[in-house]
């Protein structure tokens, strides 16, 4: 999972000791990475405390299983739009079996082996702060010599809608680990989780998929055209999209304890704000995330007991030079890759401070993200609206990606769009929508992070015929706009 050189192999699962240099509460990717970076070259030791599976949400209930479900659906959809390829279909049983393999059948043995092999102890149990540099785990008291890191992440938010919680709705964990494909599904919310889940549910054979979103469009944090293009594709595929609509009540007379990824009861009746009523076999709540801070012992050190935990540029809680928060829990960017980035910084900072050295790193990242719908949505940096709100000298350029030779080769009826956001002559944001655009996002991230001037970007020649040729067309668009003034 991690490739950097590791320290001495002497760690254990549930060791009989009470003191470490670094205690990490939460064993998802950020927790694993911060323990590694704090210890691997410093001589420090660390323990990870995890109450569920080491590897966390990403490995077992989010990034990995969701992409395992989406990739086969994407390939079949693409092949259906490519002359000369016929007969491709999704084998649902095989897809679910592969997903189970991807999540190791919810067995974290390999993760434990990695951690202990890297010299990191692991304790299974619920960790809570109990005072400065002190953590309790199911009645056991642990002490940190240098740092405590909180990396407990978030959980699915279930909004206070009449009857919703009583109906035992699916959350993202059920959707990514589904064992039965519901015939009729209502999805509450129109963000990333909602749109990706709608993509694989429809692709795996759900007959009726309805998305209910209260705002004006899907994926509302992206450029407006992104949500519009995804909504158009959903409609064409048979998914119903209801924006500017809210769920006002849910009723499910028969509820069961079938378990994760199975149907949780009888028919669900969903009442909407427009007066219409939907009936479904299952309802999926994809309405944001709630930080796992409400049972973390934060009041023991004078912090608020709920909500995200604010940090400074070194991922330290202000006023507590020993307390760090990485990943979703600090609310900066609820993305696995950003949590791991923060963990690398925090680990290096912990090691440096333990040695009496100044912090060598600080958080200054550009945030990239990909939504794996069909079409894909990828972005880095700021949207135009965010740039204007920041008071920048905003310029924009857009291009229809269907006009590229490279995209015509990808699929016959290519739909997509690209947009750059500038601050003067420097790129500050980019958004791409279309098949195969996920790999464009890192080039945009590099350009934004490096503050590469437009004059230099002209000499980064894209290969032909590829989707990346959109960079040239966008630069030409900017040039034409400026020459035309």
Foldseek 3Di string as FASTA:
>chain_A
DDDDAFADQDAEEADPDFEFQEEEEAQALLSLLLQGLQPGPQPGAYEYEEAAARNPCCQAQPVQLLVLLQVLLVVQVLQVQAPPRDDRADDLVVSLVVSCVSSVVRDRPVVCVVQSRRRYYYYHAHWADQAFQWIDGPNRIHGHNFAYEYEHAWAADDDPAACRVVQVAAESRQLSNAPDQWQAEEEEAQELSLQSSLQSSLRSPRNEYEYEEQADFHNVQADVVQRVVSQVVCVVSHYHYHYNKHWRYKDFPFADCPDRNYQGTQKMWTAMPVGDIDITSGYYYRPDIFAPQQRRHVVSHPDDRGAAQAAFFQQARPPRSRYGYFEPSNVPDNDSVRRSVSSSQNSQCSSQVVVVHHRPDTDDFWDWDWRSHAFIKIKTFDDQVVCVVVVAQKDKFKDFLVPAPAQCNSGVDWGKMKMFIDRVQFTGMIMITTHPCHVVRVVSRCRNVVRPGLVVLCPVCDDPPHSNCVSVVRSVRVVCVVVVD
